[in-house]
């Protein structure tokens, strides 16, 4: 029996120092520890430029792929459009909300006297997951980063485009959030926000364009105050 215990690695009968046998073992000091790709709120990049550079890096959230799209437009106009993620056509052209959906967006902006050049268009997820869907935990983390992004951009109003974007910022889906102005909480205050359909969804359900126009009118009321 003693020989068996020796083979098992027992080399002393009694240890002078008490041990907490149920405590999780710590990593050896020489073992490299991989840093999380999502820093704590205090460690998030402090400027739009550094935040954008961090988000478009392939090491940031590898599940979003290597092709990333940065925000477009200007923050000077006071309007921020936050979309969910690039479509395949967006990735191919290097433009957020491109193709037929983009032409519809241009028409929507034109209806309120705006265009892409006078708005700041940013993605919740700068890349597209292979599944085409943003997982729940990733959506929550991207929502936290989006709030920081909004705080840095300092818009007068935010147009939340698409279900994933709306959930990330409000915790609710599109249906219960439409038809009202929301206050999105930021670290240093709040910003008014309106929820609406993604243009790709409106292309599939053109009867909802009247509802989208009602959303845009609410947005216009905020911007003209």
C-alpha atoms as a PDB file:
ATOM      1  CA  UNK A   1       0.000   0.000   0.000  1.00  0.00           C
ATOM      2  CA  UNK A   2       2.821   2.442   0.830  1.00  0.00           C
ATOM      3  CA  UNK A   3       4.458   1.675  -2.504  1.00  0.00           C
ATOM      4  CA  UNK A   4       1.188   2.537  -4.290  1.00  0.00           C
ATOM      5  CA  UNK A   5       0.949   5.921  -2.558  1.00  0.00           C
ATOM      6  CA  UNK A   6       4.571   6.666  -3.480  1.00  0.00           C
ATOM      7  CA  UNK A   7       3.745   5.965  -7.134  1.00  0.00           C
ATOM      8  CA  UNK A   8       0.759   8.344  -6.787  1.00  0.00           C
ATOM      9  CA  UNK A   9       3.102  11.166  -5.747  1.00  0.00           C
ATOM     10  CA  UNK A  10       2.625  11.223  -1.971  1.00  0.00           C
ATOM     11  CA  UNK A  11       6.027  11.995  -0.494  1.00  0.00           C
ATOM     12  CA  UNK A  12       5.213  13.166   3.049  1.00  0.00           C
ATOM     13  CA  UNK A  13       2.948  11.832   5.777  1.00  0.00           C
ATOM     14  CA  UNK A  14       2.021  15.206   7.271  1.00  0.00           C
ATOM     15  CA  UNK A  15       2.415  18.668   5.725  1.00  0.00           C
ATOM     16  CA  UNK A  16       3.445  21.483   8.068  1.00  0.00           C
ATOM     17  CA  UNK A  17       1.315  24.039   6.173  1.00  0.00           C
ATOM     18  CA  UNK A  18      -2.515  23.635   6.033  1.00  0.00           C
ATOM     19  CA  UNK A  19      -3.967  23.491   2.518  1.00  0.00           C
ATOM     20  CA  UNK A  20      -7.362  24.537   1.137  1.00  0.00           C
ATOM     21  CA  UNK A  21      -7.928  21.506  -1.042  1.00  0.00           C
ATOM     22  CA  UNK A  22     -11.171  22.860  -2.567  1.00  0.00           C
ATOM     23  CA  UNK A  23      -9.628  26.150  -3.709  1.00  0.00           C
ATOM     24  CA  UNK A  24      -9.227  26.518  -7.492  1.00  0.00           C
ATOM     25  CA  UNK A  25      -5.631  26.185  -8.574  1.00  0.00           C
ATOM     26  CA  UNK A  26      -3.991  29.383  -9.803  1.00  0.00           C
ATOM     27  CA  UNK A  27      -2.056  29.534 -13.062  1.00  0.00           C
ATOM     28  CA  UNK A  28       1.728  29.190 -12.768  1.00  0.00           C
ATOM     29  CA  UNK A  29       3.575  32.497 -12.720  1.00  0.00           C
ATOM     30  CA  UNK A  30       5.397  31.599 -15.910  1.00  0.00           C
ATOM     31  CA  UNK A  31       2.187  30.790 -17.838  1.00  0.00           C
ATOM     32  CA  UNK A  32       1.102  33.472 -20.303  1.00  0.00           C
ATOM     33  CA  UNK A  33      -2.365  34.834 -19.599  1.00  0.00           C
ATOM     34  CA  UNK A  34      -4.381  35.883 -22.657  1.00  0.00           C
ATOM     35  CA  UNK A  35      -6.004  39.301 -22.234  1.00  0.00           C
ATOM     36  CA  UNK A  36      -9.713  39.652 -22.920  1.00  0.00           C
ATOM     37  CA  UNK A  37     -10.632  41.290 -26.214  1.00  0.00           C
ATOM     38  CA  UNK A  38     -13.322  43.312 -24.429  1.00  0.00           C
ATOM     39  CA  UNK A  39     -11.682  45.720 -21.970  1.00  0.00           C
ATOM     40  CA  UNK A  40     -13.370  47.061 -18.881  1.00  0.00           C
ATOM     41  CA  UNK A  41     -15.343  50.327 -19.245  1.00  0.00           C
ATOM     42  CA  UNK A  42     -12.444  52.356 -17.862  1.00  0.00           C
ATOM     43  CA  UNK A  43     -10.083  50.787 -20.416  1.00  0.00           C
ATOM     44  CA  UNK A  44     -12.175  51.414 -23.532  1.00  0.00           C
ATOM     45  CA  UNK A  45     -10.472  53.713 -26.054  1.00  0.00           C
ATOM     46  CA  UNK A  46     -11.039  57.341 -25.104  1.00  0.00           C
ATOM     47  CA  UNK A  47     -11.452  58.891 -28.567  1.00  0.00           C
ATOM     48  CA  UNK A  48     -13.499  58.061 -31.652  1.00  0.00           C
ATOM     49  CA  UNK A  49     -10.331  57.469 -33.643  1.00  0.00           C
ATOM     50  CA  UNK A  50      -8.820  54.988 -31.196  1.00  0.00           C
ATOM     51  CA  UNK A  51     -12.163  53.272 -30.595  1.00  0.00           C
ATOM     52  CA  UNK A  52     -12.660  52.802 -34.343  1.00  0.00           C
ATOM     53  CA  UNK A  53      -9.142  51.448 -34.764  1.00  0.00           C
ATOM     54  CA  UNK A  54      -9.737  48.976 -31.940  1.00  0.00           C
ATOM     55  CA  UNK A  55     -13.092  47.812 -33.323  1.00  0.00           C
ATOM     56  CA  UNK A  56     -11.807  47.202 -36.849  1.00  0.00           C
ATOM     57  CA  UNK A  57      -8.858  45.179 -35.560  1.00  0.00           C
ATOM     58  CA  UNK A  58      -9.162  41.471 -36.383  1.00  0.00           C
ATOM     59  CA  UNK A  59      -8.085  40.604 -32.817  1.00  0.00           C
ATOM     60  CA  UNK A  60     -11.140  42.349 -31.362  1.00  0.00           C
ATOM     61  CA  UNK A  61     -13.995  39.837 -31.183  1.00  0.00           C
ATOM     62  CA  UNK A  62     -12.520  37.257 -33.612  1.00  0.00           C
ATOM     63  CA  UNK A  63     -15.992  35.775 -34.124  1.00  0.00           C
ATOM     64  CA  UNK A  64     -16.833  38.842 -36.220  1.00  0.00           C
ATOM     65  CA  UNK A  65     -14.410  37.837 -38.971  1.00  0.00           C
ATOM     66  CA  UNK A  66     -11.464  39.690 -40.444  1.00  0.00           C
ATOM     67  CA  UNK A  67     -13.336  42.074 -42.763  1.00  0.00           C
ATOM     68  CA  UNK A  68     -14.499  45.070 -40.725  1.00  0.00           C
ATOM     69  CA  UNK A  69     -16.272  48.301 -41.635  1.00  0.00           C
ATOM     70  CA  UNK A  70     -15.567  51.522 -39.778  1.00  0.00           C
ATOM     71  CA  UNK A  71     -18.173  54.229 -39.085  1.00  0.00           C
ATOM     72  CA  UNK A  72     -18.882  56.644 -41.929  1.00  0.00           C
ATOM     73  CA  UNK A  73     -19.981  60.240 -42.240  1.00  0.00           C
ATOM     74  CA  UNK A  74     -19.614  63.064 -39.745  1.00  0.00           C
ATOM     75  CA  UNK A  75     -20.564  63.672 -36.127  1.00  0.00           C
ATOM     76  CA  UNK A  76     -20.972  67.405 -36.808  1.00  0.00           C
ATOM     77  CA  UNK A  77     -24.562  66.986 -38.009  1.00  0.00           C
ATOM     78  CA  UNK A  78     -25.754  65.698 -34.619  1.00  0.00           C
ATOM     79  CA  UNK A  79     -27.447  62.570 -36.069  1.00  0.00           C
ATOM     80  CA  UNK A  80     -26.082  59.081 -35.406  1.00  0.00           C
ATOM     81  CA  UNK A  81     -27.439  56.028 -37.197  1.00  0.00           C
ATOM     82  CA  UNK A  82     -26.572  52.776 -35.438  1.00  0.00           C
ATOM     83  CA  UNK A  83     -27.109  49.686 -37.594  1.00  0.00           C
ATOM     84  CA  UNK A  84     -26.684  46.067 -36.491  1.00  0.00           C
ATOM     85  CA  UNK A  85     -23.881  44.680 -38.679  1.00  0.00           C
ATOM     86  CA  UNK A  86     -22.655  44.772 -42.270  1.00  0.00           C
ATOM     87  CA  UNK A  87     -24.471  42.652 -44.845  1.00  0.00           C
ATOM     88  CA  UNK A  88     -22.471  40.596 -47.332  1.00  0.00           C
ATOM     89  CA  UNK A  89     -22.938  43.325 -49.948  1.00  0.00           C
ATOM     90  CA  UNK A  90     -21.679  45.900 -47.453  1.00  0.00           C
ATOM     91  CA  UNK A  91     -18.495  43.887 -46.893  1.00  0.00           C
ATOM     92  CA  UNK A  92     -17.993  43.510 -50.649  1.00  0.00           C
ATOM     93  CA  UNK A  93     -18.407  47.223 -51.361  1.00  0.00           C
ATOM     94  CA  UNK A  94     -16.877  48.604 -48.155  1.00  0.00           C
ATOM     95  CA  UNK A  95     -20.020  50.663 -47.475  1.00  0.00           C
ATOM     96  CA  UNK A  96     -22.444  50.328 -44.577  1.00  0.00           C
ATOM     97  CA  UNK A  97     -26.020  49.642 -45.757  1.00  0.00           C
ATOM     98  CA  UNK A  98     -25.199  49.318 -49.448  1.00  0.00           C
ATOM     99  CA  UNK A  99     -27.112  48.139 -52.506  1.00  0.00           C
ATOM    100  CA  UNK A 100     -30.906  48.288 -52.610  1.00  0.00           C
ATOM    101  CA  UNK A 101     -31.080  48.725 -48.823  1.00  0.00           C
ATOM    102  CA  UNK A 102     -28.677  51.636 -49.131  1.00  0.00           C
ATOM    103  CA  UNK A 103     -30.734  53.326 -51.802  1.00  0.00           C
ATOM    104  CA  UNK A 104     -33.777  53.004 -49.577  1.00  0.00           C
ATOM    105  CA  UNK A 105     -31.826  54.487 -46.645  1.00  0.00           C
ATOM    106  CA  UNK A 106     -30.751  57.404 -48.844  1.00  0.00           C
ATOM    107  CA  UNK A 107     -34.406  58.038 -49.644  1.00  0.00           C
ATOM    108  CA  UNK A 108     -35.361  57.870 -45.967  1.00  0.00           C
ATOM    109  CA  UNK A 109     -32.664  60.363 -45.039  1.00  0.00           C
ATOM    110  CA  UNK A 110     -33.637  62.628 -47.917  1.00  0.00           C
ATOM    111  CA  UNK A 111     -37.225  62.661 -46.655  1.00  0.00           C
ATOM    112  CA  UNK A 112     -36.056  64.412 -43.473  1.00  0.00           C
ATOM    113  CA  UNK A 113     -33.625  66.724 -45.238  1.00  0.00           C
ATOM    114  CA  UNK A 114     -30.527  64.671 -44.514  1.00  0.00           C
ATOM    115  CA  UNK A 115     -28.016  62.542 -46.382  1.00  0.00           C
ATOM    116  CA  UNK A 116     -25.127  60.243 -45.531  1.00  0.00           C
ATOM    117  CA  UNK A 117     -22.671  63.125 -45.562  1.00  0.00           C
ATOM    118  CA  UNK A 118     -24.557  64.895 -42.767  1.00  0.00           C
ATOM    119  CA  UNK A 119     -25.023  61.814 -40.573  1.00  0.00           C
ATOM    120  CA  UNK A 120     -22.730  59.507 -38.615  1.00  0.00           C
ATOM    121  CA  UNK A 121     -23.405  55.874 -39.532  1.00  0.00           C
ATOM    122  CA  UNK A 122     -21.878  53.228 -37.283  1.00  0.00           C
ATOM    123  CA  UNK A 123     -22.332  49.464 -36.877  1.00  0.00           C
ATOM    124  CA  UNK A 124     -23.095  47.746 -33.588  1.00  0.00           C
ATOM    125  CA  UNK A 125     -20.870  44.896 -34.833  1.00  0.00           C
ATOM    126  CA  UNK A 126     -18.151  46.104 -37.237  1.00  0.00           C
ATOM    127  CA  UNK A 127     -17.883  42.621 -38.778  1.00  0.00           C
ATOM    128  CA  UNK A 128     -20.316  39.872 -39.722  1.00  0.00           C
ATOM    129  CA  UNK A 129     -20.421  36.573 -37.792  1.00  0.00           C
ATOM    130  CA  UNK A 130     -20.325  33.437 -39.939  1.00  0.00           C
ATOM    131  CA  UNK A 131     -23.838  32.606 -38.727  1.00  0.00           C
ATOM    132  CA  UNK A 132     -25.194  35.997 -39.748  1.00  0.00           C
ATOM    133  CA  UNK A 133     -26.478  36.470 -36.194  1.00  0.00           C
ATOM    134  CA  UNK A 134     -25.060  38.186 -33.126  1.00  0.00           C
ATOM    135  CA  UNK A 135     -25.127  35.921 -30.078  1.00  0.00           C
ATOM    136  CA  UNK A 136     -26.784  37.086 -26.872  1.00  0.00           C
ATOM    137  CA  UNK A 137     -23.597  37.598 -24.835  1.00  0.00           C
ATOM    138  CA  UNK A 138     -21.802  39.303 -27.708  1.00  0.00           C
ATOM    139  CA  UNK A 139     -24.836  41.520 -28.290  1.00  0.00           C
ATOM    140  CA  UNK A 140     -24.755  42.599 -24.653  1.00  0.00           C
ATOM    141  CA  UNK A 141     -21.047  43.423 -24.814  1.00  0.00           C
ATOM    142  CA  UNK A 142     -21.404  45.275 -28.105  1.00  0.00           C
ATOM    143  CA  UNK A 143     -24.257  47.258 -26.552  1.00  0.00           C
ATOM    144  CA  UNK A 144     -21.962  48.363 -23.736  1.00  0.00           C
ATOM    145  CA  UNK A 145     -19.359  49.468 -26.270  1.00  0.00           C
ATOM    146  CA  UNK A 146     -22.034  51.195 -28.388  1.00  0.00           C
ATOM    147  CA  UNK A 147     -23.037  53.332 -25.399  1.00  0.00           C
ATOM    148  CA  UNK A 148     -19.412  54.403 -25.060  1.00  0.00           C
ATOM    149  CA  UNK A 149     -19.297  55.032 -28.812  1.00  0.00           C
ATOM    150  CA  UNK A 150     -22.393  57.239 -28.603  1.00  0.00           C
ATOM    151  CA  UNK A 151     -20.916  59.145 -25.661  1.00  0.00           C
ATOM    152  CA  UNK A 152     -17.802  59.899 -27.715  1.00  0.00           C
ATOM    153  CA  UNK A 153     -19.790  60.911 -30.820  1.00  0.00           C
ATOM    154  CA  UNK A 154     -22.127  63.150 -28.761  1.00  0.00           C
ATOM    155  CA  UNK A 155     -25.087  63.146 -31.194  1.00  0.00           C
ATOM    156  CA  UNK A 156     -28.284  65.073 -30.572  1.00  0.00           C
ATOM    157  CA  UNK A 157     -30.283  61.967 -31.519  1.00  0.00           C
ATOM    158  CA  UNK A 158     -29.702  58.302 -32.371  1.00  0.00           C
ATOM    159  CA  UNK A 159     -31.664  56.264 -34.900  1.00  0.00           C
ATOM    160  CA  UNK A 160     -31.510  52.629 -33.770  1.00  0.00           C
ATOM    161  CA  UNK A 161     -31.770  50.488 -36.908  1.00  0.00           C
ATOM    162  CA  UNK A 162     -32.724  46.833 -36.667  1.00  0.00           C
ATOM    163  CA  UNK A 163     -33.743  44.437 -33.933  1.00  0.00           C
ATOM    164  CA  UNK A 164     -30.261  43.533 -32.621  1.00  0.00           C
ATOM    165  CA  UNK A 165     -29.270  47.183 -32.270  1.00  0.00           C
ATOM    166  CA  UNK A 166     -32.473  48.037 -30.429  1.00  0.00           C
ATOM    167  CA  UNK A 167     -32.101  45.078 -28.035  1.00  0.00           C
ATOM    168  CA  UNK A 168     -28.480  45.970 -27.314  1.00  0.00           C
ATOM    169  CA  UNK A 169     -29.390  49.532 -26.295  1.00  0.00           C
ATOM    170  CA  UNK A 170     -32.844  49.083 -24.728  1.00  0.00           C
ATOM    171  CA  UNK A 171     -33.080  45.430 -23.726  1.00  0.00           C
ATOM    172  CA  UNK A 172     -36.271  45.110 -25.803  1.00  0.00           C
ATOM    173  CA  UNK A 173     -37.108  44.146 -29.354  1.00  0.00           C
ATOM    174  CA  UNK A 174     -38.369  46.308 -32.185  1.00  0.00           C
ATOM    175  CA  UNK A 175     -42.121  45.880 -31.658  1.00  0.00           C
ATOM    176  CA  UNK A 176     -42.386  47.279 -28.096  1.00  0.00           C
ATOM    177  CA  UNK A 177     -39.902  50.093 -28.712  1.00  0.00           C
ATOM    178  CA  UNK A 178     -41.367  51.673 -31.826  1.00  0.00           C
ATOM    179  CA  UNK A 179     -43.615  54.725 -31.613  1.00  0.00           C
ATOM    180  CA  UNK A 180     -41.861  56.427 -28.715  1.00  0.00           C
ATOM    181  CA  UNK A 181     -38.702  58.371 -27.962  1.00  0.00           C
ATOM    182  CA  UNK A 182     -36.232  56.544 -25.724  1.00  0.00           C
ATOM    183  CA  UNK A 183     -33.521  57.912 -23.463  1.00  0.00           C
ATOM    184  CA  UNK A 184     -30.379  55.829 -23.829  1.00  0.00           C
ATOM    185  CA  UNK A 185     -28.286  55.951 -20.672  1.00  0.00           C
ATOM    186  CA  UNK A 186     -24.644  56.882 -21.120  1.00  0.00           C
ATOM    187  CA  UNK A 187     -21.825  57.248 -18.616  1.00  0.00           C
ATOM    188  CA  UNK A 188     -22.216  61.019 -18.577  1.00  0.00           C
ATOM    189  CA  UNK A 189     -25.926  61.520 -19.327  1.00  0.00           C
ATOM    190  CA  UNK A 190     -28.562  60.370 -21.790  1.00  0.00           C
ATOM    191  CA  UNK A 191     -29.345  60.777 -25.470  1.00  0.00           C
ATOM    192  CA  UNK A 192     -32.781  60.582 -27.174  1.00  0.00           C
ATOM    193  CA  UNK A 193     -33.176  57.636 -29.538  1.00  0.00           C
ATOM    194  CA  UNK A 194     -35.800  56.361 -31.976  1.00  0.00           C
ATOM    195  CA  UNK A 195     -36.182  52.732 -33.060  1.00  0.00           C
ATOM    196  CA  UNK A 196     -36.990  51.727 -36.629  1.00  0.00           C
ATOM    197  CA  UNK A 197     -36.811  48.910 -39.157  1.00  0.00           C
ATOM    198  CA  UNK A 198     -33.660  48.053 -41.043  1.00  0.00           C
ATOM    199  CA  UNK A 199     -33.980  48.976 -44.741  1.00  0.00           C
ATOM    200  CA  UNK A 200     -33.331  45.319 -45.654  1.00  0.00           C
ATOM    201  CA  UNK A 201     -36.471  44.409 -43.672  1.00  0.00           C
ATOM    202  CA  UNK A 202     -38.488  47.154 -45.341  1.00  0.00           C
ATOM    203  CA  UNK A 203     -37.524  45.761 -48.752  1.00  0.00           C
ATOM    204  CA  UNK A 204     -39.083  42.468 -47.706  1.00  0.00           C
ATOM    205  CA  UNK A 205     -42.117  44.153 -46.118  1.00  0.00           C
ATOM    206  CA  UNK A 206     -42.809  47.349 -48.107  1.00  0.00           C
ATOM    207  CA  UNK A 207     -46.165  47.867 -46.374  1.00  0.00           C
ATOM    208  CA  UNK A 208     -44.206  48.906 -43.256  1.00  0.00           C
ATOM    209  CA  UNK A 209     -42.649  51.932 -44.959  1.00  0.00           C
ATOM    210  CA  UNK A 210     -45.470  54.112 -43.600  1.00  0.00           C
ATOM    211  CA  UNK A 211     -44.534  53.019 -40.067  1.00  0.00           C
ATOM    212  CA  UNK A 212     -40.882  53.806 -40.789  1.00  0.00           C
ATOM    213  CA  UNK A 213     -41.904  57.276 -41.959  1.00  0.00           C
ATOM    214  CA  UNK A 214     -43.646  57.825 -38.607  1.00  0.00           C
ATOM    215  CA  UNK A 215     -40.374  56.896 -36.878  1.00  0.00           C
ATOM    216  CA  UNK A 216     -38.475  59.377 -39.020  1.00  0.00           C
ATOM    217  CA  UNK A 217     -40.922  62.149 -38.174  1.00  0.00           C
ATOM    218  CA  UNK A 218     -40.248  61.582 -34.464  1.00  0.00           C
ATOM    219  CA  UNK A 219     -36.538  61.739 -35.188  1.00  0.00           C
ATOM    220  CA  UNK A 220     -36.998  64.971 -37.110  1.00  0.00           C
ATOM    221  CA  UNK A 221     -38.859  66.502 -34.158  1.00  0.00           C
ATOM    222  CA  UNK A 222     -35.852  65.849 -31.919  1.00  0.00           C
ATOM    223  CA  UNK A 223     -33.386  67.292 -34.404  1.00  0.00           C
ATOM    224  CA  UNK A 224     -35.390  70.471 -34.995  1.00  0.00           C
ATOM    225  CA  UNK A 225     -35.883  71.349 -31.331  1.00  0.00           C
END
